[in-house]
All heavy atoms as atom14 arrays in JSON, in Angstrom:
{
  "sequence": "GWFRQAPGKEREIVAAISRSGLGTYYTDSVKGRF",
  "atom14_mask": [
    [1, 1, 1, 1, 0, 0, 0, 0, 0, 0, 0, 0, 0, 0],
    [1, 1, 1, 1, 1, 1, 1, 1, 1, 1, 1, 1, 1, 1],
    [1, 1, 1, 1, 1, 1, 1, 1, 1, 1, 1, 0, 0, 0],
    [1, 1, 1, 1, 1, 1, 1, 1, 1, 1, 1, 0, 0, 0],
    [1, 1, 1, 1, 1, 1, 1, 1, 1, 0, 0, 0, 0, 0],
    [1, 1, 1, 1, 1, 0, 0, 0, 0, 0, 0, 0, 0, 0],
    [1, 1, 1, 1, 1, 1, 1, 0, 0, 0, 0, 0, 0, 0],
    [1, 1, 1, 1, 0, 0, 0, 0, 0, 0, 0, 0, 0, 0],
    [1, 1, 1, 1, 1, 1, 1, 1, 1, 0, 0, 0, 0, 0],
    [1, 1, 1, 1, 1, 1, 1, 1, 1, 0, 0, 0, 0, 0],
    [1, 1, 1, 1, 1, 1, 1, 1, 1, 1, 1, 0, 0, 0],
    [1, 1, 1, 1, 1, 1, 1, 1, 1, 0, 0, 0, 0, 0],
    [1, 1, 1, 1, 1, 1, 1, 1, 0, 0, 0, 0, 0, 0],
    [1, 1, 1, 1, 1, 1, 1, 0, 0, 0, 0, 0, 0, 0],
    [1, 1, 1, 1, 1, 0, 0, 0, 0, 0, 0, 0, 0, 0],
    [1, 1, 1, 1, 1, 0, 0, 0, 0, 0, 0, 0, 0, 0],
    [1, 1, 1, 1, 1, 1, 1, 1, 0, 0, 0, 0, 0, 0],
    [1, 1, 1, 1, 1, 1, 0, 0, 0, 0, 0, 0, 0, 0],
    [1, 1, 1, 1, 1, 1, 1, 1, 1, 1, 1, 0, 0, 0],
    [1, 1, 1, 1, 1, 1, 0, 0, 0, 0, 0, 0, 0, 0],
    [1, 1, 1, 1, 0, 0, 0, 0, 0, 0, 0, 0, 0, 0],
    [1, 1, 1, 1, 1, 1, 1, 1, 0, 0, 0, 0, 0, 0],
    [1, 1, 1, 1, 0, 0, 0, 0, 0, 0, 0, 0, 0, 0],
    [1, 1, 1, 1, 1, 1, 1, 0, 0, 0, 0, 0, 0, 0],
    [1, 1, 1, 1, 1, 1, 1, 1, 1, 1, 1, 1, 0, 0],
    [1, 1, 1, 1, 1, 1, 1, 1, 1, 1, 1, 1, 0, 0],
    [1, 1, 1, 1, 1, 1, 1, 0, 0, 0, 0, 0, 0, 0],
    [1, 1, 1, 1, 1, 1, 1, 1, 0, 0, 0, 0, 0, 0],
    [1, 1, 1, 1, 1, 1, 0, 0, 0, 0, 0, 0, 0, 0],
    [1, 1, 1, 1, 1, 1, 1, 0, 0, 0, 0, 0, 0, 0],
    [1, 1, 1, 1, 1, 1, 1, 1, 1, 0, 0, 0, 0, 0],
    [1, 1, 1, 1, 0, 0, 0, 0, 0, 0, 0, 0, 0, 0],
    [1, 1, 1, 1, 1, 1, 1, 1, 1, 1, 1, 0, 0, 0],
    [1, 1, 1, 1, 1, 1, 1, 1, 1, 1, 1, 0, 0, 0]
  ],
  "atom14_positions": [
    [[79.82, -153.76, 27.47], [79.17, -152.64, 27.75], [79.33, -151.49, 26.72], [80.22, -151.59, 25.89], [0.0, 0.0, 0.0], [0.0, 0.0, 0.0], [0.0, 0.0, 0.0], [0.0, 0.0, 0.0], [0.0, 0.0, 0.0], [0.0, 0.0, 0.0], [0.0, 0.0, 0.0], [0.0, 0.0, 0.0], [0.0, 0.0, 0.0], [0.0, 0.0, 0.0]],
    [[78.53, -150.46, 26.84], [78.65, -149.2, 26.02], [78.82, -148.04, 26.94], [78.1, -147.93, 27.88], [77.37, -148.97, 25.12], [77.41, -149.94, 23.89], [76.68, -151.14, 23.95], [78.0, -149.9, 22.74], [76.78, -151.66, 22.7], [77.65, -150.91, 21.91], [78.78, -148.94, 22.14], [78.06, -151.25, 20.6], [79.22, -149.12, 20.91], [78.86, -150.23, 20.16]],
    [[79.67, -147.21, 26.61], [80.12, -145.97, 27.32], [80.04, -144.78, 26.44], [80.17, -145.01, 25.15], [81.45, -146.05, 28.04], [81.49, -147.15, 29.07], [81.67, -148.44, 28.74], [81.43, -146.75, 30.42], [81.85, -149.43, 29.7], [81.52, -147.73, 31.37], [81.64, -149.04, 30.94], [0.0, 0.0, 0.0], [0.0, 0.0, 0.0], [0.0, 0.0, 0.0]],
    [[79.9, -143.59, 26.86], [79.89, -142.39, 26.06], [80.66, -141.2, 26.78], [80.65, -141.22, 27.97], [78.48, -141.96, 25.62], [77.66, -141.44, 26.73], [76.3, -141.24, 26.18], [75.39, -140.76, 27.23], [74.04, -140.6, 27.09], [73.49, -140.93, 25.94], [73.21, -140.06, 28.06], [0.0, 0.0, 0.0], [0.0, 0.0, 0.0], [0.0, 0.0, 0.0]],
    [[81.24, -140.34, 25.98], [81.81, -139.18, 26.58], [81.49, -138.01, 25.67], [81.84, -137.91, 24.45], [83.42, -139.39, 26.57], [84.16, -138.32, 27.26], [85.44, -138.68, 27.61], [86.13, -139.47, 27.07], [86.09, -137.86, 28.54], [0.0, 0.0, 0.0], [0.0, 0.0, 0.0], [0.0, 0.0, 0.0], [0.0, 0.0, 0.0], [0.0, 0.0, 0.0]],
    [[80.79, -137.06, 26.29], [80.41, -135.82, 25.63], [81.61, -134.75, 25.83], [82.26, -134.87, 26.8], [79.11, -135.24, 26.18], [0.0, 0.0, 0.0], [0.0, 0.0, 0.0], [0.0, 0.0, 0.0], [0.0, 0.0, 0.0], [0.0, 0.0, 0.0], [0.0, 0.0, 0.0], [0.0, 0.0, 0.0], [0.0, 0.0, 0.0], [0.0, 0.0, 0.0]],
    [[81.64, -133.89, 25.01], [82.72, -132.75, 25.13], [82.65, -132.08, 26.5], [81.54, -131.7, 26.99], [82.43, -131.73, 24.06], [81.65, -132.52, 22.96], [80.86, -133.53, 23.71], [0.0, 0.0, 0.0], [0.0, 0.0, 0.0], [0.0, 0.0, 0.0], [0.0, 0.0, 0.0], [0.0, 0.0, 0.0], [0.0, 0.0, 0.0], [0.0, 0.0, 0.0]],
    [[83.82, -132.02, 27.14], [83.89, -131.43, 28.47], [83.36, -132.28, 29.62], [83.22, -131.82, 30.79], [0.0, 0.0, 0.0], [0.0, 0.0, 0.0], [0.0, 0.0, 0.0], [0.0, 0.0, 0.0], [0.0, 0.0, 0.0], [0.0, 0.0, 0.0], [0.0, 0.0, 0.0], [0.0, 0.0, 0.0], [0.0, 0.0, 0.0], [0.0, 0.0, 0.0]],
    [[82.98, -133.47, 29.35], [82.34, -134.35, 30.42], [83.06, -135.55, 30.54], [83.83, -136.03, 29.76], [80.8, -134.66, 30.13], [80.02, -133.36, 29.88], [78.53, -133.73, 29.81], [77.99, -134.17, 31.1], [76.52, -134.36, 31.12], [0.0, 0.0, 0.0], [0.0, 0.0, 0.0], [0.0, 0.0, 0.0], [0.0, 0.0, 0.0], [0.0, 0.0, 0.0]],
    [[82.91, -136.19, 31.67], [83.57, -137.52, 31.96], [82.91, -138.62, 31.23], [81.74, -138.59, 30.79], [83.55, -137.75, 33.51], [84.35, -136.81, 34.32], [85.76, -136.82, 34.14], [86.34, -137.94, 33.87], [86.34, -135.8, 34.09], [0.0, 0.0, 0.0], [0.0, 0.0, 0.0], [0.0, 0.0, 0.0], [0.0, 0.0, 0.0], [0.0, 0.0, 0.0]],
    [[83.67, -139.71, 31.03], [83.02, -140.88, 30.41], [82.1, -141.48, 31.34], [82.29, -141.56, 32.53], [84.19, -141.92, 30.01], [83.78, -143.19, 29.45], [84.92, -144.04, 29.17], [85.76, -144.35, 30.34], [86.84, -145.08, 30.3], [87.33, -145.58, 29.17], [87.42, -145.3, 31.49], [0.0, 0.0, 0.0], [0.0, 0.0, 0.0], [0.0, 0.0, 0.0]],
    [[80.93, -141.91, 30.77], [79.89, -142.53, 31.68], [79.32, -143.86, 31.02], [79.35, -143.97, 29.77], [78.86, -141.57, 31.84], [78.01, -141.16, 30.56], [76.82, -140.31, 30.7], [76.37, -140.06, 31.91], [76.24, -139.77, 29.68], [0.0, 0.0, 0.0], [0.0, 0.0, 0.0], [0.0, 0.0, 0.0], [0.0, 0.0, 0.0], [0.0, 0.0, 0.0]],
    [[78.84, -144.68, 31.84], [78.18, -145.93, 31.45], [76.85, -145.55, 30.77], [76.26, -144.72, 31.22], [77.96, -146.87, 32.57], [77.3, -148.08, 32.17], [77.14, -146.21, 33.67], [78.21, -149.01, 31.3], [0.0, 0.0, 0.0], [0.0, 0.0, 0.0], [0.0, 0.0, 0.0], [0.0, 0.0, 0.0], [0.0, 0.0, 0.0], [0.0, 0.0, 0.0]],
    [[76.59, -146.29, 29.64], [75.31, -146.13, 29.05], [74.5, -147.4, 29.21], [73.39, -147.38, 29.63], [75.46, -145.83, 27.5], [74.08, -145.88, 26.78], [76.19, -144.57, 27.25], [0.0, 0.0, 0.0], [0.0, 0.0, 0.0], [0.0, 0.0, 0.0], [0.0, 0.0, 0.0], [0.0, 0.0, 0.0], [0.0, 0.0, 0.0], [0.0, 0.0, 0.0]],
    [[75.09, -148.47, 28.88], [74.49, -149.78, 29.03], [75.44, -150.94, 29.13], [76.57, -150.84, 28.71], [73.5, -150.06, 27.93], [0.0, 0.0, 0.0], [0.0, 0.0, 0.0], [0.0, 0.0, 0.0], [0.0, 0.0, 0.0], [0.0, 0.0, 0.0], [0.0, 0.0, 0.0], [0.0, 0.0, 0.0], [0.0, 0.0, 0.0], [0.0, 0.0, 0.0]],
    [[75.07, -152.14, 29.84], [75.92, -153.18, 29.89], [75.07, -154.38, 29.75], [73.96, -154.43, 29.95], [76.67, -153.09, 31.23], [0.0, 0.0, 0.0], [0.0, 0.0, 0.0], [0.0, 0.0, 0.0], [0.0, 0.0, 0.0], [0.0, 0.0, 0.0], [0.0, 0.0, 0.0], [0.0, 0.0, 0.0], [0.0, 0.0, 0.0], [0.0, 0.0, 0.0]],
    [[75.71, -155.53, 29.31], [75.02, -156.86, 29.12], [75.94, -157.96, 29.61], [77.19, -157.93, 29.5], [74.76, -156.97, 27.66], [73.79, -158.12, 27.46], [75.95, -157.1, 26.82], [73.03, -158.22, 26.13], [0.0, 0.0, 0.0], [0.0, 0.0, 0.0], [0.0, 0.0, 0.0], [0.0, 0.0, 0.0], [0.0, 0.0, 0.0], [0.0, 0.0, 0.0]],
    [[75.22, -158.95, 30.22], [75.99, -160.07, 30.8], [76.44, -161.03, 29.65], [76.02, -160.86, 28.57], [75.14, -160.84, 31.83], [74.0, -161.4, 31.08], [0.0, 0.0, 0.0], [0.0, 0.0, 0.0], [0.0, 0.0, 0.0], [0.0, 0.0, 0.0], [0.0, 0.0, 0.0], [0.0, 0.0, 0.0], [0.0, 0.0, 0.0], [0.0, 0.0, 0.0]],
    [[77.28, -162.0, 30.11], [77.84, -162.93, 29.12], [76.79, -163.63, 28.38], [76.8, -163.92, 27.17], [78.84, -163.92, 29.82], [79.34, -164.94, 28.87], [80.28, -165.86, 29.68], [79.64, -166.48, 30.76], [78.88, -167.5, 31.0], [78.57, -168.07, 29.77], [78.36, -167.95, 32.03], [0.0, 0.0, 0.0], [0.0, 0.0, 0.0], [0.0, 0.0, 0.0]],
    [[75.74, -164.09, 29.07], [74.55, -164.8, 28.49], [73.68, -163.91, 27.74], [72.92, -164.5, 26.94], [73.82, -165.55, 29.58], [73.17, -164.61, 30.47], [0.0, 0.0, 0.0], [0.0, 0.0, 0.0], [0.0, 0.0, 0.0], [0.0, 0.0, 0.0], [0.0, 0.0, 0.0], [0.0, 0.0, 0.0], [0.0, 0.0, 0.0], [0.0, 0.0, 0.0]],
    [[73.67, -162.65, 27.97], [72.82, -161.81, 27.29], [71.46, -161.53, 27.97], [70.59, -160.81, 27.59], [0.0, 0.0, 0.0], [0.0, 0.0, 0.0], [0.0, 0.0, 0.0], [0.0, 0.0, 0.0], [0.0, 0.0, 0.0], [0.0, 0.0, 0.0], [0.0, 0.0, 0.0], [0.0, 0.0, 0.0], [0.0, 0.0, 0.0], [0.0, 0.0, 0.0]],
    [[71.26, -162.29, 29.21], [70.1, -162.26, 29.83], [69.99, -161.14, 30.91], [68.98, -160.63, 31.3], [69.74, -163.65, 30.51], [69.53, -164.73, 29.67], [69.47, -166.0, 30.42], [68.51, -164.54, 28.73], [0.0, 0.0, 0.0], [0.0, 0.0, 0.0], [0.0, 0.0, 0.0], [0.0, 0.0, 0.0], [0.0, 0.0, 0.0], [0.0, 0.0, 0.0]],
    [[71.22, -160.63, 31.22], [71.19, -159.56, 32.33], [71.64, -158.28, 31.68], [72.63, -158.3, 30.91], [0.0, 0.0, 0.0], [0.0, 0.0, 0.0], [0.0, 0.0, 0.0], [0.0, 0.0, 0.0], [0.0, 0.0, 0.0], [0.0, 0.0, 0.0], [0.0, 0.0, 0.0], [0.0, 0.0, 0.0], [0.0, 0.0, 0.0], [0.0, 0.0, 0.0]],
    [[70.94, -157.27, 31.94], [71.35, -155.92, 31.33], [71.28, -154.78, 32.36], [70.63, -154.87, 33.37], [70.33, -155.49, 30.13], [69.0, -155.44, 30.69], [70.43, -156.5, 29.01], [0.0, 0.0, 0.0], [0.0, 0.0, 0.0], [0.0, 0.0, 0.0], [0.0, 0.0, 0.0], [0.0, 0.0, 0.0], [0.0, 0.0, 0.0], [0.0, 0.0, 0.0]],
    [[72.01, -153.66, 32.13], [72.09, -152.57, 32.95], [71.91, -151.36, 31.99], [72.47, -151.24, 30.92], [73.27, -152.47, 33.74], [73.43, -151.09, 34.44], [73.05, -150.87, 35.71], [74.08, -150.06, 33.81], [73.22, -149.71, 36.24], [74.39, -148.8, 34.39], [73.86, -148.73, 35.72], [73.9, -147.49, 36.3], [0.0, 0.0, 0.0], [0.0, 0.0, 0.0]],
    [[71.14, -150.3, 32.4], [71.04, -149.09, 31.75], [71.13, -147.88, 32.64], [70.51, -147.91, 33.76], [69.66, -148.94, 30.98], [69.44, -150.01, 29.88], [68.76, -151.13, 30.23], [69.98, -149.76, 28.65], [68.55, -152.13, 29.36], [69.67, -150.82, 27.62], [69.07, -151.92, 28.0], [68.75, -152.97, 26.97], [0.0, 0.0, 0.0], [0.0, 0.0, 0.0]],
    [[71.84, -146.85, 32.2], [71.8, -145.61, 32.95], [70.43, -145.04, 32.99], [69.67, -145.2, 31.95], [73.0, -144.72, 32.63], [73.04, -143.62, 33.61], [72.67, -144.18, 31.24], [0.0, 0.0, 0.0], [0.0, 0.0, 0.0], [0.0, 0.0, 0.0], [0.0, 0.0, 0.0], [0.0, 0.0, 0.0], [0.0, 0.0, 0.0], [0.0, 0.0, 0.0]],
    [[70.03, -144.33, 33.97], [68.62, -143.79, 34.04], [68.31, -142.9, 32.72], [67.12, -143.01, 32.31], [68.47, -142.98, 35.32], [68.32, -143.79, 36.53], [68.14, -145.07, 36.47], [68.47, -143.22, 37.67], [0.0, 0.0, 0.0], [0.0, 0.0, 0.0], [0.0, 0.0, 0.0], [0.0, 0.0, 0.0], [0.0, 0.0, 0.0], [0.0, 0.0, 0.0]],
    [[69.13, -142.09, 32.34], [68.84, -141.25, 31.27], [68.48, -141.84, 29.82], [67.86, -141.22, 28.99], [70.06, -140.2, 30.96], [71.14, -140.91, 30.55], [0.0, 0.0, 0.0], [0.0, 0.0, 0.0], [0.0, 0.0, 0.0], [0.0, 0.0, 0.0], [0.0, 0.0, 0.0], [0.0, 0.0, 0.0], [0.0, 0.0, 0.0], [0.0, 0.0, 0.0]],
    [[68.87, -143.14, 29.67], [68.54, -143.88, 28.48], [67.5, -145.0, 28.58], [67.11, -145.57, 27.62], [69.76, -144.43, 27.79], [70.8, -143.39, 27.67], [70.35, -145.64, 28.6], [0.0, 0.0, 0.0], [0.0, 0.0, 0.0], [0.0, 0.0, 0.0], [0.0, 0.0, 0.0], [0.0, 0.0, 0.0], [0.0, 0.0, 0.0], [0.0, 0.0, 0.0]],
    [[67.0, -145.24, 29.78], [66.11, -146.35, 30.03], [64.82, -146.08, 29.27], [64.24, -144.9, 29.27], [65.68, -146.39, 31.57], [66.78, -147.02, 32.34], [66.41, -147.13, 33.78], [67.44, -147.73, 34.63], [67.08, -147.84, 36.11], [0.0, 0.0, 0.0], [0.0, 0.0, 0.0], [0.0, 0.0, 0.0], [0.0, 0.0, 0.0], [0.0, 0.0, 0.0]],
    [[64.36, -147.09, 28.62], [63.16, -147.04, 27.7], [63.4, -146.49, 26.39], [62.57, -146.55, 25.41], [0.0, 0.0, 0.0], [0.0, 0.0, 0.0], [0.0, 0.0, 0.0], [0.0, 0.0, 0.0], [0.0, 0.0, 0.0], [0.0, 0.0, 0.0], [0.0, 0.0, 0.0], [0.0, 0.0, 0.0], [0.0, 0.0, 0.0], [0.0, 0.0, 0.0]],
    [[64.69, -145.95, 26.12], [65.0, -145.56, 24.78], [66.11, -146.45, 24.09], [66.11, -146.52, 22.74], [65.49, -144.07, 24.83], [64.43, -143.2, 25.4], [64.91, -141.66, 25.27], [66.05, -141.39, 26.01], [67.24, -140.96, 25.56], [67.37, -140.84, 24.16], [68.28, -140.74, 26.25], [0.0, 0.0, 0.0], [0.0, 0.0, 0.0], [0.0, 0.0, 0.0]],
    [[66.99, -146.84, 24.78], [68.17, -147.63, 24.25], [67.98, -149.11, 24.64], [67.41, -149.43, 25.8], [69.48, -147.14, 24.87], [69.94, -145.76, 24.37], [69.06, -144.94, 23.73], [71.2, -145.35, 24.75], [69.49, -143.74, 23.22], [71.64, -144.1, 24.32], [70.71, -143.21, 23.57], [0.0, 0.0, 0.0], [0.0, 0.0, 0.0], [0.0, 0.0, 0.0]]
  ]
}
């Protein structure tokens, strides 16, 4: 997975991918862009 942390904010999930690469997850704020 990929996570990010902005100044003054908590670490948050950005995207994740399964072992096979067929399953993915995206946080709402990056869907359609990442």
